[in-house]
Amino acid sequence: MPDLPAKARLTDAMVAKFPFLPTGQKLVADSDQPGLYLKVGKTAKSWVVQTEVRVLDDRMQKARKTVRRAFGSFPELSVKDARAAAKGELAAILAGEGIGKAPAGVTLGAAWDLYRAALTKGGKSAATIYSYRNAVEADHLLGIWRDTPLADLATPEGAAKVAARHEAITQRETDPKHGGSYAANGAMRTLRVIYNWALERGHVKPHPDGWTPTRQVTFNVEEARDSAMSRRDLPGWWAAYAAMDNRVRAEFQLFLLLSGSRSGAIATARWEHLDVAGRRLHIPTPKGGKARAYDIPLTRPMLACLARARRAARVYQPILSREWMFPGDPSKSKRGEFAGHMSLFATTDAALPCSGHGLRHTYRNACTWAGVEENLSKKLMNHSQRGDVHSGTYGSREGVWPDLLDAQERITATIIDLCQQEPGARRRAA
């Protein structure tokens, strides 16, 4: 086989002297024009350009791909003309022309799987992950697009479909029992955060005109929900609590009221995190993740509540009650996943006039009724104190632990006293 150079400063005379090859082909790079090659074969000499471009591979990860393109032959196209033409050919390749259809990109379902793994690795709370999962997997929300590439939703047509879906959820057209303005907004926020996360990491190619899935969505106005109870409401709530048949759920709701905690944190509470002697319940992954972990001070009525919950749970779910304070019912699990604890989709109870997050709001009122300082009430409820240098930056929870326990005692006493003011209310706790 003739010995052709791998690279040379090509001239017309040099190229004319290159012999054809008996078999195969060989590329000779031009030293004057990067990316330009002369391809010598058995019967022809042709000009090609070759360069690397960034693409997304089958796993939606950034990768490099070598692209080669022929654009002329010698001697019809001289060395000088080939160098001039090569510049345009290389620019066209880098612009994506002729490379083929860009990959559709990751689907909503696949993007959620990746994002969920990142949330778990980052220590986000189970409640946070459940809220996203519900939006993505529920068919009456975003579940219809689980197998749809995100890039298809980030177009004028796709964004119009997303906006129409938001309106349909708002009007409860996707499910008469679910939906509404808050659910519609929540689903769109979930779609937006997953898309932005995937876009930042190269899992989806951005639209050239900047379209995003939620670009045409007009979010519903959300007003603060007045779900807290007043002093006068508590005796009636107590009577309804005492009459509940499911005592695990009853004690769960009472503990929410006495602790002011978020329902997701209590639904996933484990017995291993209870310190009876230290009178505290550790919450390892609250809203905000592991960095916001905290301890709930426990009063005697709160400990009594947990003791009743344990006795009831041993009858209700003997195995699961060994680990979970408030075990769930596997026969009622949604979408095939069951962790063992009470479902985060069922932390409210129709048997009570106020339940779930409304009890957290009521607890905040009770802090005022008991005369608890705002600084202490924020710490008890694990509210963010970011930006509050005096209360949030200086001091620590451990440093004021006796004060927190004292404040919790006053709040519990106030709530129990108000609950039992009406003579007809039957005492069944504390």
Protein backbone atom coordinates (compact mmCIF):
# COMPACT_ATOMS: atom_id res chain seq x y z
CA MET A 1 0.00 0.00 0.00
CA PRO A 2 1.39 3.43 -0.95
CA ASP A 3 2.72 5.42 1.97
CA LEU A 4 0.53 8.53 2.22
CA PRO A 5 1.20 11.13 4.94
CA ALA A 6 -1.28 11.48 7.81
CA LYS A 7 -0.98 15.28 7.60
CA ALA A 8 0.54 17.70 5.11
CA ARG A 9 0.30 21.24 3.73
CA LEU A 10 -1.68 20.18 0.70
CA THR A 11 -1.15 21.64 -2.76
CA ASP A 12 -2.75 20.78 -6.08
CA ALA A 13 0.52 19.28 -7.35
CA MET A 14 0.95 17.12 -4.23
CA VAL A 15 -2.61 15.83 -4.31
CA ALA A 16 -2.30 15.00 -8.02
CA LYS A 17 0.74 12.82 -7.29
CA PHE A 18 -0.98 10.82 -4.55
CA PRO A 19 -1.60 7.32 -5.94
CA PHE A 20 -4.92 5.55 -5.64
CA LEU A 21 -5.07 2.73 -3.13
CA PRO A 22 -5.50 -0.92 -4.08
CA THR A 23 -7.89 -1.45 -1.16
CA GLY A 24 -9.55 0.67 1.47
CA GLN A 25 -9.37 4.42 2.02
CA LYS A 26 -7.09 6.86 3.83
CA LEU A 27 -7.52 10.40 5.10
CA VAL A 28 -4.81 13.02 4.74
CA ALA A 29 -5.31 16.07 6.99
CA ASP A 30 -4.58 19.53 5.64
CA SER A 31 -2.27 21.42 8.01
CA ASP A 32 -3.51 24.84 6.84
CA GLN A 33 -7.25 24.27 7.41
CA PRO A 34 -8.23 22.37 10.59
CA GLY A 35 -10.97 19.85 9.92
CA LEU A 36 -10.25 19.51 6.17
CA TYR A 37 -9.18 16.11 4.85
CA LEU A 38 -8.42 14.57 1.47
CA LYS A 39 -9.92 11.07 1.23
CA VAL A 40 -8.00 8.80 -1.14
CA GLY A 41 -9.66 5.61 -2.34
CA LYS A 42 -9.33 3.06 -5.12
CA THR A 43 -10.68 5.24 -7.93
CA ALA A 44 -11.32 8.73 -6.52
CA LYS A 45 -9.96 11.52 -4.36
CA SER A 46 -12.57 13.53 -2.47
CA TRP A 47 -12.72 16.36 0.05
CA VAL A 48 -14.27 15.81 3.49
CA VAL A 49 -14.58 17.80 6.68
CA GLN A 50 -14.57 16.23 10.12
CA THR A 51 -15.24 17.69 13.55
CA GLU A 52 -16.71 16.86 16.96
CA VAL A 53 -20.09 18.10 18.18
CA ARG A 54 -21.82 17.91 21.56
CA VAL A 55 -24.91 15.70 21.68
CA LEU A 56 -27.06 13.79 24.17
CA ASP A 57 -26.46 10.06 24.21
CA ASP A 58 -29.07 7.33 24.71
CA ARG A 59 -28.95 7.92 28.48
CA MET A 60 -29.51 11.65 28.00
CA GLN A 61 -25.97 12.44 29.14
CA LYS A 62 -23.73 14.97 27.44
CA ALA A 63 -21.35 13.31 24.96
CA ARG A 64 -19.21 14.11 21.93
CA LYS A 65 -19.87 12.77 18.47
CA THR A 66 -17.52 12.81 15.48
CA VAL A 67 -19.26 14.05 12.30
CA ARG A 68 -17.71 13.59 8.86
CA ARG A 69 -19.13 15.03 5.65
CA ALA A 70 -17.94 14.84 2.00
CA PHE A 71 -18.47 17.97 -0.10
CA GLY A 72 -16.43 17.74 -3.30
CA SER A 73 -13.84 15.83 -5.33
CA PHE A 74 -10.38 16.51 -6.72
CA PRO A 75 -9.40 17.83 -9.24
CA GLU A 76 -12.86 19.38 -9.83
CA LEU A 77 -12.38 21.30 -6.56
CA SER A 78 -8.85 22.65 -6.06
CA VAL A 79 -7.05 22.78 -2.72
CA LYS A 80 -7.63 26.53 -2.43
CA ASP A 81 -11.36 26.21 -3.15
CA ALA A 82 -11.66 23.22 -0.83
CA ARG A 83 -10.17 25.23 2.05
CA ALA A 84 -12.66 28.04 1.45
CA ALA A 85 -15.61 25.64 1.23
CA ALA A 86 -14.50 23.73 4.34
CA LYS A 87 -15.08 26.74 6.58
CA GLY A 88 -18.75 26.88 5.59
CA GLU A 89 -19.21 23.13 5.88
CA LEU A 90 -17.75 23.06 9.39
CA ALA A 91 -19.92 25.97 10.48
CA ALA A 92 -23.01 24.17 9.17
CA ILE A 93 -22.13 21.03 11.14
CA LEU A 94 -21.63 22.98 14.36
CA ALA A 95 -25.01 24.62 13.77
CA GLY A 96 -26.58 21.17 13.58
CA GLU A 97 -27.41 21.10 9.87
CA GLY A 98 -27.57 17.63 8.39
CA ILE A 99 -26.62 15.85 11.58
CA GLY A 100 -30.03 14.27 11.80
CA LYS A 101 -32.98 14.83 14.07
CA ALA A 102 -31.93 15.88 17.52
CA PRO A 103 -32.80 13.36 20.23
CA ALA A 104 -36.25 13.91 21.64
CA GLY A 105 -34.77 13.98 25.11
CA VAL A 106 -35.86 12.58 28.40
CA THR A 107 -39.53 11.89 29.09
CA LEU A 108 -41.37 13.43 32.03
CA GLY A 109 -41.42 10.06 33.79
CA ALA A 110 -37.71 9.44 33.24
CA ALA A 111 -36.86 12.99 34.34
CA TRP A 112 -38.88 12.47 37.51
CA ASP A 113 -36.97 9.25 38.26
CA LEU A 114 -33.68 11.15 37.94
CA TYR A 115 -34.94 14.09 39.98
CA ARG A 116 -36.35 11.83 42.69
CA ALA A 117 -32.95 10.15 43.04
CA ALA A 118 -31.36 13.57 43.43
CA LEU A 119 -33.93 14.59 46.06
CA THR A 120 -33.35 11.39 48.00
CA LYS A 121 -29.58 11.83 47.84
CA GLY A 122 -29.98 15.41 49.03
CA GLY A 123 -31.94 14.26 52.08
CA LYS A 124 -35.25 15.82 51.14
CA SER A 125 -38.23 14.83 53.27
CA ALA A 126 -40.55 11.99 52.32
CA ALA A 127 -43.44 14.48 52.22
CA THR A 128 -41.67 16.63 49.64
CA ILE A 129 -40.94 13.63 47.44
CA TYR A 130 -44.51 12.35 47.79
CA SER A 131 -45.96 15.68 46.69
CA TYR A 132 -43.90 15.67 43.50
CA ARG A 133 -44.65 12.01 42.88
CA ASN A 134 -48.36 12.56 43.23
CA ALA A 135 -48.31 15.35 40.65
CA VAL A 136 -46.28 13.34 38.12
CA GLU A 137 -47.96 9.95 38.50
CA ALA A 138 -51.61 10.80 39.13
CA ASP A 139 -53.53 10.56 35.85
CA HIS A 140 -55.80 13.46 36.77
CA LEU A 141 -52.73 15.71 37.08
CA LEU A 142 -49.60 15.13 34.95
CA GLY A 143 -49.71 11.33 34.68
CA ILE A 144 -50.99 11.49 31.09
CA TRP A 145 -47.55 12.80 30.05
CA ARG A 146 -45.33 10.28 31.85
CA ASP A 147 -44.08 8.89 28.49
CA THR A 148 -43.99 12.25 26.73
CA PRO A 149 -40.58 13.85 26.03
CA LEU A 150 -40.19 17.09 27.97
CA ALA A 151 -38.96 18.73 24.79
CA ASP A 152 -42.39 18.12 23.21
CA LEU A 153 -44.02 20.09 26.01
CA ALA A 154 -41.52 22.95 25.63
CA THR A 155 -42.95 24.13 22.30
CA PRO A 156 -45.76 26.56 21.44
CA GLU A 157 -48.09 23.60 20.86
CA GLY A 158 -46.93 21.75 23.96
CA ALA A 159 -47.19 24.83 26.17
CA ALA A 160 -50.74 25.37 24.93
CA LYS A 161 -51.63 21.81 25.98
CA VAL A 162 -50.08 22.38 29.41
CA ALA A 163 -52.08 25.59 29.87
CA ALA A 164 -55.26 23.76 28.87
CA ARG A 165 -54.44 21.00 31.36
CA HIS A 166 -54.00 23.57 34.12
CA GLU A 167 -57.43 24.98 33.38
CA ALA A 168 -59.01 21.51 33.27
CA ILE A 169 -57.53 20.59 36.65
CA THR A 170 -58.69 23.92 38.06
CA GLN A 171 -62.25 23.21 36.93
CA ARG A 172 -62.04 19.61 38.24
CA GLU A 173 -62.70 18.28 34.76
CA THR A 174 -59.91 15.69 35.04
CA ASP A 175 -61.40 14.23 38.22
CA PRO A 176 -64.61 15.42 39.91
CA LYS A 177 -63.35 14.45 43.38
CA HIS A 178 -59.90 15.98 43.07
CA GLY A 179 -58.25 18.97 41.49
CA GLY A 180 -59.07 22.61 41.99
CA SER A 181 -57.01 25.78 41.80
CA TYR A 182 -54.41 24.76 44.38
CA ALA A 183 -53.89 21.31 42.87
CA ALA A 184 -53.57 22.80 39.38
CA ASN A 185 -50.95 25.29 40.53
CA GLY A 186 -49.05 22.61 42.41
CA ALA A 187 -48.93 20.32 39.39
CA MET A 188 -47.60 23.10 37.17
CA ARG A 189 -44.96 24.05 39.72
CA THR A 190 -43.84 20.42 39.79
CA LEU A 191 -43.63 20.31 35.99
CA ARG A 192 -41.66 23.56 35.98
CA VAL A 193 -39.12 22.46 38.58
CA ILE A 194 -38.53 19.07 36.92
CA TYR A 195 -38.10 20.66 33.48
CA ASN A 196 -35.67 23.31 34.77
CA TRP A 197 -33.69 20.66 36.65
CA ALA A 198 -33.46 18.43 33.55
CA LEU A 199 -32.58 21.41 31.34
CA GLU A 200 -29.74 22.55 33.61
CA ARG A 201 -28.21 19.07 33.53
CA GLY A 202 -28.45 18.54 29.79
CA HIS A 203 -31.19 15.91 29.92
CA VAL A 204 -33.35 17.94 27.54
CA LYS A 205 -32.40 20.23 24.67
CA PRO A 206 -33.63 23.83 25.09
CA HIS A 207 -36.11 25.21 22.58
CA PRO A 208 -34.38 27.70 20.24
CA ASP A 209 -37.03 30.35 21.00
CA GLY A 210 -36.91 29.79 24.75
CA TRP A 211 -40.24 27.98 25.12
CA THR A 212 -40.87 26.10 28.37
CA PRO A 213 -43.80 23.81 29.26
CA THR A 214 -45.44 26.30 31.66
CA ARG A 215 -44.85 29.46 29.61
CA GLN A 216 -48.55 29.94 28.81
CA VAL A 217 -49.90 28.97 32.24
CA THR A 218 -51.68 31.71 34.17
CA PHE A 219 -51.47 30.53 37.76
CA ASN A 220 -54.53 30.76 39.94
CA VAL A 221 -54.57 33.31 42.73
CA GLU A 222 -53.93 31.56 46.02
CA GLU A 223 -55.18 33.04 49.24
CA ALA A 224 -54.12 31.95 52.68
CA ARG A 225 -56.50 29.26 53.87
CA ASP A 226 -58.30 30.13 57.08
CA SER A 227 -58.38 26.57 58.36
CA ALA A 228 -57.40 27.17 61.99
CA MET A 229 -59.87 26.63 64.82
CA SER A 230 -60.84 29.26 67.35
CA ARG A 231 -61.13 28.69 71.10
CA ARG A 232 -64.87 28.01 70.70
CA ASP A 233 -64.22 25.28 68.12
CA LEU A 234 -62.02 23.09 70.30
CA PRO A 235 -64.71 21.41 72.49
CA GLY A 236 -66.55 20.21 69.39
CA TRP A 237 -63.31 18.98 67.87
CA TRP A 238 -62.51 17.10 71.07
CA ALA A 239 -65.89 15.36 71.04
CA ALA A 240 -65.38 14.30 67.41
CA TYR A 241 -61.87 13.04 68.22
CA ALA A 242 -63.16 10.97 71.14
CA ALA A 243 -65.83 9.39 68.92
CA MET A 244 -63.45 8.21 66.15
CA ASP A 245 -63.39 4.44 65.59
CA ASN A 246 -59.84 4.30 64.20
CA ARG A 247 -57.83 5.17 67.30
CA VAL A 248 -54.51 5.22 65.44
CA ARG A 249 -55.80 7.98 63.22
CA ALA A 250 -57.45 9.70 66.18
CA GLU A 251 -54.19 9.86 68.16
CA PHE A 252 -52.35 10.96 65.03
CA GLN A 253 -54.65 13.97 64.71
CA LEU A 254 -54.37 14.80 68.41
CA PHE A 255 -50.58 14.66 68.23
CA LEU A 256 -50.66 17.06 65.27
CA LEU A 257 -52.70 19.48 67.37
CA LEU A 258 -50.46 19.20 70.44
CA SER A 259 -47.16 19.39 68.51
CA GLY A 260 -47.98 21.82 65.70
CA SER A 261 -45.90 19.67 63.41
CA ARG A 262 -46.36 19.12 59.70
CA SER A 263 -48.43 16.03 59.03
CA GLY A 264 -45.79 14.44 56.78
CA ALA A 265 -43.17 14.55 59.53
CA ILE A 266 -45.46 12.81 62.04
CA ALA A 267 -46.87 10.28 59.57
CA THR A 268 -43.33 9.02 58.94
CA ALA A 269 -42.19 9.09 62.60
CA ARG A 270 -40.39 5.99 63.89
CA TRP A 271 -40.24 4.65 67.43
CA GLU A 272 -36.45 4.62 67.29
CA HIS A 273 -36.51 8.43 67.23
CA LEU A 274 -38.46 8.69 70.49
CA ASP A 275 -36.53 9.59 73.64
CA VAL A 276 -38.98 9.23 76.53
CA ALA A 277 -36.42 10.07 79.22
CA GLY A 278 -35.27 13.14 77.33
CA ARG A 279 -38.90 13.99 76.46
CA ARG A 280 -38.19 14.58 72.79
CA LEU A 281 -39.09 13.17 69.38
CA HIS A 282 -36.43 13.56 66.71
CA ILE A 283 -37.59 14.54 63.20
CA PRO A 284 -34.64 13.63 60.93
CA THR A 285 -36.01 14.73 57.53
CA PRO A 286 -38.60 17.50 57.89
CA LYS A 287 -39.56 19.97 55.19
CA GLY A 288 -36.27 21.39 53.97
CA GLY A 289 -34.38 18.10 54.33
CA LYS A 290 -31.82 16.77 56.79
CA ALA A 291 -30.31 20.19 57.33
CA ARG A 292 -33.54 21.25 59.06
CA ALA A 293 -33.72 18.22 61.41
CA TYR A 294 -35.05 19.09 64.85
CA ASP A 295 -36.51 17.67 68.08
CA ILE A 296 -40.10 18.12 69.29
CA PRO A 297 -40.39 18.72 73.04
CA LEU A 298 -42.87 16.27 74.53
CA THR A 299 -45.26 17.03 77.35
CA ARG A 300 -46.88 14.31 79.44
CA PRO A 301 -50.19 14.51 77.50
CA MET A 302 -48.19 14.13 74.27
CA LEU A 303 -46.39 11.06 75.65
CA ALA A 304 -49.75 9.65 76.75
CA CYS A 305 -51.07 10.25 73.23
CA LEU A 306 -48.18 8.26 71.74
CA ALA A 307 -48.71 5.46 74.26
CA ARG A 308 -52.37 5.13 73.23
CA ALA A 309 -51.33 5.20 69.58
CA ARG A 310 -48.89 2.36 70.20
CA ARG A 311 -51.49 0.19 71.92
CA ALA A 312 -54.00 0.78 69.13
CA ALA A 313 -51.39 0.19 66.40
CA ARG A 314 -50.39 -3.16 67.86
CA VAL A 315 -53.95 -4.33 67.23
CA TYR A 316 -54.35 -2.52 63.90
CA GLN A 317 -50.97 -3.46 62.33
CA PRO A 318 -48.94 -5.72 64.67
CA ILE A 319 -45.87 -5.98 62.43
CA LEU A 320 -45.70 -2.43 61.09
CA SER A 321 -46.29 -0.94 64.53
CA ARG A 322 -42.88 -2.18 65.63
CA GLU A 323 -41.24 0.44 63.44
CA TRP A 324 -43.82 3.14 62.71
CA MET A 325 -45.64 5.23 65.28
CA PHE A 326 -48.59 5.56 62.94
CA PRO A 327 -48.61 2.56 60.57
CA GLY A 328 -50.63 2.56 57.41
CA ASP A 329 -52.92 0.08 55.75
CA PRO A 330 -51.19 -1.72 52.85
CA SER A 331 -54.55 -2.57 51.27
CA LYS A 332 -55.19 1.15 50.76
CA SER A 333 -51.78 2.10 49.36
CA LYS A 334 -51.77 4.18 46.19
CA ARG A 335 -49.99 3.38 42.91
CA GLY A 336 -48.43 0.18 44.17
CA GLU A 337 -45.95 1.66 46.65
CA PHE A 338 -46.22 1.20 50.41
CA ALA A 339 -43.53 2.27 52.87
CA GLY A 340 -45.32 1.05 55.99
CA HIS A 341 -46.29 4.37 57.55
CA MET A 342 -49.57 6.24 57.28
CA SER A 343 -50.18 7.47 53.74
CA LEU A 344 -49.14 11.06 53.17
CA PHE A 345 -52.21 11.36 50.94
CA ALA A 346 -54.52 10.61 53.88
CA THR A 347 -53.40 12.88 56.71
CA THR A 348 -56.77 14.64 56.89
CA ASP A 349 -59.88 13.04 58.34
CA ALA A 350 -63.49 13.71 57.41
CA ALA A 351 -64.60 12.66 60.90
CA LEU A 352 -63.05 15.81 62.34
CA PRO A 353 -64.06 19.45 61.76
CA CYS A 354 -60.36 20.31 61.47
CA SER A 355 -57.49 17.96 60.61
CA GLY A 356 -54.12 17.77 58.93
CA HIS A 357 -52.44 21.11 58.29
CA GLY A 358 -55.35 22.98 59.82
CA LEU A 359 -54.24 21.66 63.21
CA ARG A 360 -50.81 23.22 62.67
CA HIS A 361 -52.56 26.55 62.09
CA THR A 362 -54.57 26.00 65.26
CA TYR A 363 -51.38 25.29 67.21
CA ARG A 364 -50.01 28.65 66.06
CA ASN A 365 -53.12 30.28 67.53
CA ALA A 366 -52.56 28.33 70.74
CA CYS A 367 -49.07 29.78 70.99
CA THR A 368 -50.69 33.20 71.21
CA TRP A 369 -53.34 32.01 73.68
CA ALA A 370 -50.59 30.60 75.92
CA GLY A 371 -48.47 33.75 75.69
CA VAL A 372 -45.49 32.03 74.06
CA GLU A 373 -42.83 34.29 72.57
CA GLU A 374 -42.68 34.38 68.78
CA ASN A 375 -39.03 33.29 68.81
CA LEU A 376 -39.90 30.14 70.73
CA SER A 377 -43.04 29.41 68.69
CA LYS A 378 -40.98 29.54 65.49
CA LYS A 379 -38.50 27.06 66.90
CA LEU A 380 -41.27 24.77 68.14
CA MET A 381 -42.87 24.73 64.69
CA ASN A 382 -39.47 24.53 62.94
CA HIS A 383 -40.31 27.60 60.91
CA SER A 384 -37.47 29.10 58.91
CA GLN A 385 -35.83 32.07 60.61
CA ARG A 386 -33.64 32.94 57.66
CA GLY A 387 -32.96 36.65 57.55
CA ASP A 388 -33.87 37.06 61.23
CA VAL A 389 -30.39 37.66 62.62
CA HIS A 390 -31.53 38.15 66.21
CA SER A 391 -33.67 35.02 66.46
CA GLY A 392 -32.38 32.81 63.66
CA THR A 393 -28.61 33.26 63.56
CA TYR A 394 -27.71 33.68 67.23
CA GLY A 395 -28.50 31.02 69.81
CA SER A 396 -29.40 27.36 69.35
CA ARG A 397 -32.28 25.01 70.02
CA GLU A 398 -30.29 23.14 72.65
CA GLY A 399 -29.41 26.37 74.36
CA VAL A 400 -33.08 27.18 74.90
CA TRP A 401 -34.33 23.57 75.24
CA PRO A 402 -35.70 24.10 78.78
CA ASP A 403 -37.54 27.16 77.52
CA LEU A 404 -38.97 25.20 74.60
CA LEU A 405 -40.18 22.45 76.90
CA ASP A 406 -41.73 25.01 79.23
CA ALA A 407 -43.46 26.73 76.29
CA GLN A 408 -44.74 23.37 75.05
CA GLU A 409 -46.17 22.65 78.51
CA ARG A 410 -48.08 25.93 78.46
CA ILE A 411 -49.41 25.33 74.94
CA THR A 412 -50.53 21.78 75.75
CA ALA A 413 -52.24 22.88 78.96
CA THR A 414 -54.05 25.65 77.11
CA ILE A 415 -55.27 23.34 74.33
CA ILE A 416 -56.41 20.58 76.69
CA ASP A 417 -58.17 23.08 78.95
CA LEU A 418 -60.04 24.65 76.02
CA CYS A 419 -60.96 21.25 74.57
CA GLN A 420 -62.53 20.16 77.85
CA GLN A 421 -64.36 23.35 78.76
CA GLU A 422 -67.69 22.10 77.47
CA PRO A 423 -69.14 19.72 80.07
CA GLY A 424 -70.65 17.44 77.46
CA ALA A 425 -67.27 16.63 75.91
CA ARG A 426 -66.14 13.15 76.94
CA ARG A 427 -62.50 13.06 77.99
CA ARG A 428 -60.60 10.26 76.31
CA ALA A 429 -57.05 11.54 76.29
CA ALA A 430 -54.49 13.25 78.46
